[in-house]
Amino acid sequence: MGADREFAYGAAAGLLGDLLLGDPRRGHPVAAFGRAAAAVERVLWQDDRGRGVLHTAVCVGGAVALGSLAARLVRSSPAASVALTGAATWAVVGGTSLAREARAIGRALESGTAEGIEAARARLPHLCGRDPHALDAEGIARAVVESVAENTSDAVVGALVWGAVAGVPGLLGFRAVNTLDAMVGHKSPRHLRYGWASARLDDVAGWPGARLTAVLAAVAGPDPRGAVLAWRADAAKHPSPNAGPVEASFAGALGVRLGGSLSYAGRVEHRPVLNGGGRAVTVADIDRAVRLSERVGRLALGVGVAARIGVRAVARAVPKGRGKGCTS
């Protein structure tokens, strides 16, 4: 069995595991990485970019090294390689938990009661860092749709892209980068300089997955033309180079209007409107966004496997040189 098939079977098994099991309530590998990264921060932290670079190198390098060592240990056994890839894929993707949280908020909002809105506000921090107390039902629904779009790239597609490129080390490395960005990459006073390297590395690592997510949202969504038009017109207006294409494409595909004012821990941001010609988000759009996210995740697996097989086929087809010093 070749490495491309091992990745295909392992990644498919990992996605199936995520679908059936979701994230464990305790003992999740990503949570363990987060605790380790926090311990490194306690040792290294200074209000300095250089220390932040070192923090990023230690944490991401450690995750990649662990993945490389594990892959090397099982490379002689195809079954073990498939199992390792499946376990790594399950550990780093989060599509099922994303869908579960989004739909739980949607069900709370569907009641239309004050209690339902309060329940939705209580759950919103599970998806994003916005201040839920400043949002009404429509604002919560918009925040959920935007979070579903962005996390489709961060929690599913991006990981599969790097898994296709670099196998288990790519899977673990991408999740490490994404987790560090969530931990220290924000613009708080403590992390403005220290988290700079993690934030910039996340922008780089997330670039291919975000563009693939935007493309697949256009392909899988109900309005492909609308997705492409919104992406072209509005993605660059977003402050995030990766969230912009994803959210704009989802907005156009679903025919809704995203963006606008939002609040993070009391700090108000006025973001550009994405797909301004669309309608306001409703509670029903949460389930539509989740279903689109699920379709995008399945397509991303197919694209990743096809790309890996194609690259390896091309590499095998290229004639090898006869070595230095050979003469005809």
Protein backbone atom coordinates (compact mmCIF):
# COMPACT_ATOMS: atom_id res chain seq x y z
CA MET A 1 0.00 0.00 0.00
CA GLY A 2 1.43 3.39 -0.99
CA ALA A 3 1.63 6.44 1.23
CA ASP A 4 -1.11 8.13 -0.81
CA ARG A 5 -3.56 5.31 -0.10
CA GLU A 6 -2.54 5.23 3.54
CA PHE A 7 -3.40 8.92 3.79
CA ALA A 8 -6.68 8.43 1.94
CA TYR A 9 -7.85 5.57 4.15
CA GLY A 10 -6.53 7.16 7.34
CA ALA A 11 -8.01 10.60 6.70
CA ALA A 12 -11.36 9.09 5.77
CA ALA A 13 -11.32 6.99 8.94
CA GLY A 14 -10.43 10.06 11.00
CA LEU A 15 -13.31 12.08 9.56
CA LEU A 16 -15.64 9.16 10.20
CA GLY A 17 -14.38 9.00 13.76
CA ASP A 18 -15.06 12.70 14.19
CA LEU A 19 -18.55 12.21 12.77
CA LEU A 20 -19.35 9.33 15.13
CA LEU A 21 -17.51 10.47 18.25
CA GLY A 22 -16.95 14.20 18.01
CA ASP A 23 -14.52 15.72 20.51
CA PRO A 24 -14.15 14.01 23.89
CA ARG A 25 -15.22 16.06 26.89
CA ARG A 26 -11.98 15.22 28.68
CA GLY A 27 -8.50 14.31 27.56
CA HIS A 28 -8.56 15.81 24.08
CA PRO A 29 -5.07 15.87 22.51
CA VAL A 30 -5.50 19.50 21.42
CA ALA A 31 -6.31 20.47 25.01
CA ALA A 32 -3.14 18.69 26.13
CA PHE A 33 -1.16 20.67 23.56
CA GLY A 34 -2.79 23.86 24.84
CA ARG A 35 -1.69 23.11 28.39
CA ALA A 36 1.85 22.44 27.21
CA ALA A 37 1.89 25.67 25.19
CA ALA A 38 0.63 27.61 28.22
CA ALA A 39 3.44 26.12 30.32
CA VAL A 40 5.99 27.21 27.70
CA GLU A 41 4.49 30.70 27.74
CA ARG A 42 4.86 30.93 31.53
CA VAL A 43 8.56 30.21 31.15
CA LEU A 44 9.31 32.36 28.11
CA TRP A 45 6.90 35.29 28.26
CA GLN A 46 8.26 38.79 27.87
CA ASP A 47 6.70 41.71 26.05
CA ASP A 48 8.98 40.97 23.13
CA ARG A 49 8.58 39.60 19.60
CA GLY A 50 11.74 37.53 19.82
CA ARG A 51 10.43 35.58 22.80
CA GLY A 52 7.19 35.04 20.90
CA VAL A 53 9.11 33.67 17.93
CA LEU A 54 10.88 31.24 20.25
CA HIS A 55 7.56 30.21 21.81
CA THR A 56 6.08 29.51 18.38
CA ALA A 57 9.15 27.57 17.24
CA VAL A 58 9.20 25.39 20.36
CA CYS A 59 5.49 24.55 20.28
CA VAL A 60 5.01 24.07 16.55
CA GLY A 61 8.39 22.41 16.12
CA GLY A 62 7.57 20.02 18.94
CA ALA A 63 4.25 19.04 17.36
CA VAL A 64 5.84 18.48 13.94
CA ALA A 65 8.71 16.50 15.47
CA LEU A 66 6.28 14.29 17.38
CA GLY A 67 4.30 13.63 14.21
CA SER A 68 7.47 12.87 12.25
CA LEU A 69 8.73 10.45 14.90
CA ALA A 70 5.40 8.63 15.09
CA ALA A 71 5.17 8.35 11.30
CA ARG A 72 8.72 7.01 11.12
CA LEU A 73 8.00 4.37 13.76
CA VAL A 74 5.03 2.92 11.84
CA ARG A 75 6.16 3.41 8.25
CA SER A 76 6.98 -0.28 7.79
CA SER A 77 3.38 -1.26 8.61
CA PRO A 78 0.65 0.01 6.27
CA ALA A 79 -2.07 -0.85 8.78
CA ALA A 80 -0.32 1.05 11.55
CA SER A 81 0.26 4.02 9.22
CA VAL A 82 -3.44 4.13 8.36
CA ALA A 83 -4.33 3.92 12.05
CA LEU A 84 -1.92 6.70 12.96
CA THR A 85 -3.23 8.95 10.19
CA GLY A 86 -6.79 8.23 11.27
CA ALA A 87 -6.04 9.04 14.91
CA ALA A 88 -4.22 12.24 13.97
CA THR A 89 -7.03 13.34 11.64
CA TRP A 90 -9.64 12.68 14.31
CA ALA A 91 -7.58 14.63 16.85
CA VAL A 92 -7.12 17.75 14.73
CA VAL A 93 -10.45 18.16 12.90
CA GLY A 94 -13.50 19.54 14.67
CA GLY A 95 -16.32 19.56 12.17
CA THR A 96 -18.76 17.57 14.28
CA SER A 97 -18.32 19.71 17.38
CA LEU A 98 -18.64 22.83 15.23
CA ALA A 99 -21.94 21.60 13.76
CA ARG A 100 -23.22 20.45 17.16
CA GLU A 101 -22.58 23.80 18.85
CA ALA A 102 -24.01 25.82 15.96
CA ARG A 103 -27.18 23.75 15.81
CA ALA A 104 -27.62 23.91 19.60
CA ILE A 105 -27.57 27.70 19.39
CA GLY A 106 -29.98 27.57 16.47
CA ARG A 107 -32.43 25.42 18.45
CA ALA A 108 -32.29 27.84 21.36
CA LEU A 109 -33.03 30.78 19.08
CA GLU A 110 -35.89 28.97 17.34
CA SER A 111 -37.96 29.17 20.52
CA GLY A 112 -38.20 32.93 20.09
CA THR A 113 -38.31 33.40 23.85
CA ALA A 114 -36.15 35.48 26.14
CA GLU A 115 -34.97 32.27 27.79
CA GLY A 116 -33.96 30.86 24.42
CA ILE A 117 -31.95 33.95 23.55
CA GLU A 118 -30.19 33.81 26.92
CA ALA A 119 -29.38 30.14 26.35
CA ALA A 120 -27.96 31.01 22.91
CA ARG A 121 -25.86 33.79 24.43
CA ALA A 122 -24.49 31.35 26.99
CA ARG A 123 -23.39 28.91 24.27
CA LEU A 124 -21.98 31.43 21.79
CA PRO A 125 -18.53 31.63 23.48
CA HIS A 126 -18.08 27.95 22.57
CA LEU A 127 -17.85 29.10 18.93
CA CYS A 128 -16.28 32.56 19.00
CA GLY A 129 -14.89 35.23 21.27
CA ARG A 130 -17.56 37.87 20.74
CA ASP A 131 -19.44 39.51 23.56
CA PRO A 132 -22.83 37.74 23.42
CA HIS A 133 -24.57 40.22 25.73
CA ALA A 134 -24.39 42.90 23.05
CA LEU A 135 -26.24 40.73 20.48
CA ASP A 136 -29.90 40.18 19.76
CA ALA A 137 -31.23 37.02 18.08
CA GLU A 138 -30.31 38.22 14.60
CA GLY A 139 -26.83 39.24 15.75
CA ILE A 140 -26.26 35.85 17.38
CA ALA A 141 -27.39 34.05 14.21
CA ARG A 142 -25.00 36.16 12.11
CA ALA A 143 -22.13 35.46 14.51
CA VAL A 144 -22.82 31.72 14.29
CA VAL A 145 -22.89 31.70 10.48
CA GLU A 146 -19.64 33.66 10.34
CA SER A 147 -18.03 31.31 12.87
CA VAL A 148 -19.20 28.24 10.97
CA ALA A 149 -17.68 29.63 7.78
CA GLU A 150 -14.34 30.55 9.35
CA ASN A 151 -14.03 27.34 11.38
CA THR A 152 -14.80 25.20 8.34
CA SER A 153 -11.44 26.39 7.09
CA ASP A 154 -9.60 26.35 10.43
CA ALA A 155 -11.04 23.16 11.93
CA VAL A 156 -11.47 20.98 8.85
CA VAL A 157 -10.18 22.04 5.44
CA GLY A 158 -6.87 23.58 6.51
CA ALA A 159 -5.92 20.46 8.45
CA LEU A 160 -6.77 18.20 5.49
CA VAL A 161 -4.72 20.38 3.15
CA TRP A 162 -1.61 20.13 5.30
CA GLY A 163 -2.26 16.45 5.90
CA ALA A 164 -2.28 15.90 2.16
CA VAL A 165 0.95 17.87 1.83
CA ALA A 166 2.93 16.47 4.75
CA GLY A 167 1.01 13.56 6.29
CA VAL A 168 0.79 13.26 10.08
CA PRO A 169 3.41 15.99 10.75
CA GLY A 170 1.36 18.35 8.57
CA LEU A 171 -1.85 17.53 10.44
CA LEU A 172 -0.31 18.10 13.87
CA GLY A 173 1.69 21.13 12.78
CA PHE A 174 -1.33 22.90 11.35
CA ARG A 175 -3.40 22.30 14.47
CA ALA A 176 -0.53 23.53 16.63
CA VAL A 177 -0.28 26.76 14.61
CA ASN A 178 -4.04 27.31 14.71
CA THR A 179 -4.23 26.63 18.45
CA LEU A 180 -1.36 28.99 19.22
CA ASP A 181 -3.05 31.74 17.24
CA ALA A 182 -6.19 31.30 19.33
CA MET A 183 -4.14 31.39 22.53
CA VAL A 184 -1.69 34.24 21.94
CA GLY A 185 -2.31 35.60 18.44
CA HIS A 186 -4.94 38.16 19.45
CA LYS A 187 -4.29 41.86 20.03
CA SER A 188 -4.48 41.93 23.81
CA PRO A 189 -1.90 44.07 25.68
CA ARG A 190 -0.12 40.93 26.89
CA HIS A 191 0.12 39.30 23.46
CA LEU A 192 0.42 42.23 21.05
CA ARG A 193 4.15 41.61 20.61
CA TYR A 194 4.55 38.14 22.09
CA GLY A 195 1.81 36.68 19.88
CA TRP A 196 2.95 38.38 16.67
CA ALA A 197 4.82 35.34 15.32
CA SER A 198 1.95 32.95 16.04
CA ALA A 199 -0.55 35.24 14.32
CA ARG A 200 1.62 35.70 11.23
CA LEU A 201 2.40 31.99 10.96
CA ASP A 202 -1.31 31.22 11.22
CA ASP A 203 -1.97 33.60 8.32
CA VAL A 204 0.58 31.74 6.20
CA ALA A 205 -0.49 28.22 7.21
CA GLY A 206 -4.17 29.04 6.76
CA TRP A 207 -3.82 30.64 3.32
CA PRO A 208 -4.24 27.52 1.12
CA GLY A 209 -7.04 26.03 3.22
CA ALA A 210 -8.99 29.28 3.24
CA ARG A 211 -8.87 29.59 -0.56
CA LEU A 212 -9.86 25.96 -1.02
CA THR A 213 -12.74 26.45 1.42
CA ALA A 214 -13.94 29.47 -0.53
CA VAL A 215 -13.77 27.55 -3.80
CA LEU A 216 -15.61 24.54 -2.39
CA ALA A 217 -18.27 26.74 -0.79
CA ALA A 218 -18.95 28.14 -4.25
CA VAL A 219 -19.05 24.66 -5.76
CA ALA A 220 -21.22 23.10 -3.04
CA GLY A 221 -23.43 26.06 -2.20
CA PRO A 222 -26.87 26.90 -3.60
CA ASP A 223 -25.60 30.01 -5.43
CA PRO A 224 -22.14 29.44 -6.96
CA ARG A 225 -22.20 32.68 -8.93
CA GLY A 226 -23.15 34.69 -5.87
CA ALA A 227 -20.31 33.10 -3.90
CA VAL A 228 -17.72 33.98 -6.53
CA LEU A 229 -19.00 37.55 -6.92
CA ALA A 230 -19.01 38.18 -3.17
CA TRP A 231 -15.53 36.68 -2.83
CA ARG A 232 -14.12 38.89 -5.58
CA ALA A 233 -15.87 42.04 -4.41
CA ASP A 234 -15.58 41.86 -0.64
CA ALA A 235 -12.96 39.39 0.62
CA ALA A 236 -10.10 41.89 0.55
CA LYS A 237 -12.07 44.31 2.73
CA HIS A 238 -11.95 41.93 5.69
CA PRO A 239 -9.13 42.53 8.20
CA SER A 240 -8.20 38.83 8.13
CA PRO A 241 -6.55 37.63 4.91
CA ASN A 242 -8.05 34.17 5.40
CA ALA A 243 -11.43 34.78 7.02
CA GLY A 244 -12.28 37.29 4.29
CA PRO A 245 -12.47 34.85 1.33
CA VAL A 246 -14.22 32.18 3.40
CA GLU A 247 -16.89 34.39 4.95
CA ALA A 248 -17.51 36.26 1.69
CA SER A 249 -17.90 33.02 -0.26
CA PHE A 250 -20.28 31.56 2.34
CA ALA A 251 -22.27 34.81 2.36
CA GLY A 252 -22.67 34.78 -1.41
CA ALA A 253 -23.42 31.07 -1.54
CA LEU A 254 -26.15 31.40 1.10
CA GLY A 255 -27.47 34.73 -0.19
CA VAL A 256 -27.00 36.47 3.16
CA ARG A 257 -25.25 39.58 4.38
CA LEU A 258 -22.37 39.13 6.83
CA GLY A 259 -20.01 41.54 8.58
CA GLY A 260 -20.80 44.85 10.24
CA SER A 261 -20.27 45.95 13.83
CA LEU A 262 -19.25 43.44 16.49
CA SER A 263 -17.87 43.48 20.01
CA TYR A 264 -14.93 41.59 21.51
CA ALA A 265 -14.60 41.87 25.30
CA GLY A 266 -15.99 45.40 25.25
CA ARG A 267 -13.95 46.46 22.18
CA VAL A 268 -16.23 47.38 19.26
CA GLU A 269 -15.04 46.68 15.72
CA HIS A 270 -16.77 47.94 12.59
CA ARG A 271 -16.06 45.38 9.90
CA PRO A 272 -17.00 45.74 6.25
CA VAL A 273 -20.24 44.21 5.03
CA LEU A 274 -19.78 41.05 2.95
CA ASN A 275 -22.27 40.42 0.13
CA GLY A 276 -24.06 43.69 0.77
CA GLY A 277 -26.83 42.79 -1.66
CA GLY A 278 -27.83 39.76 0.41
CA ARG A 279 -30.56 39.61 3.01
CA ALA A 280 -30.12 39.68 6.77
CA VAL A 281 -29.22 36.39 8.42
CA THR A 282 -32.08 34.48 10.03
CA VAL A 283 -32.05 31.59 12.49
CA ALA A 284 -32.81 29.14 9.67
CA ASP A 285 -29.53 30.11 7.99
CA ILE A 286 -27.56 28.49 10.81
CA ASP A 287 -28.57 25.00 9.68
CA ARG A 288 -28.01 25.97 6.03
CA ALA A 289 -24.47 27.13 6.89
CA VAL A 290 -23.77 23.91 8.81
CA ARG A 291 -24.95 21.75 5.93
CA LEU A 292 -22.76 23.73 3.54
CA SER A 293 -19.82 23.32 5.92
CA GLU A 294 -20.34 19.55 6.00
CA ARG A 295 -20.41 19.34 2.21
CA VAL A 296 -17.25 21.44 1.97
CA GLY A 297 -15.46 19.14 4.44
CA ARG A 298 -16.31 16.02 2.43
CA LEU A 299 -15.20 17.65 -0.80
CA ALA A 300 -11.96 18.81 0.82
CA LEU A 301 -11.10 15.21 1.69
CA GLY A 302 -11.61 14.22 -1.93
CA VAL A 303 -9.52 17.10 -3.21
CA GLY A 304 -6.72 16.37 -0.74
CA VAL A 305 -6.57 12.69 -1.63
CA ALA A 306 -6.72 13.40 -5.38
CA ALA A 307 -3.97 16.01 -5.10
CA ARG A 308 -1.71 13.71 -3.12
CA ILE A 309 -2.20 10.82 -5.55
CA GLY A 310 -1.68 13.15 -8.51
CA VAL A 311 1.53 14.65 -7.17
CA ARG A 312 3.00 11.25 -6.38
CA ALA A 313 2.00 9.93 -9.80
CA VAL A 314 3.75 12.84 -11.49
CA ALA A 315 6.83 12.32 -9.32
CA ARG A 316 6.98 8.65 -10.28
CA ALA A 317 6.55 9.50 -13.96
CA VAL A 318 9.45 11.97 -14.07
CA PRO A 319 12.57 10.12 -15.30
CA LYS A 320 15.32 9.97 -12.76
CA GLY A 321 18.70 11.38 -13.73
CA ARG A 322 21.61 9.07 -14.28
CA GLY A 323 23.67 10.78 -11.65
CA LYS A 324 26.58 13.16 -11.65
CA GLY A 325 29.52 12.37 -13.83
CA CYS A 326 27.59 10.14 -16.24
CA THR A 327 28.40 10.54 -19.91
CA SER A 328 26.53 9.41 -22.96
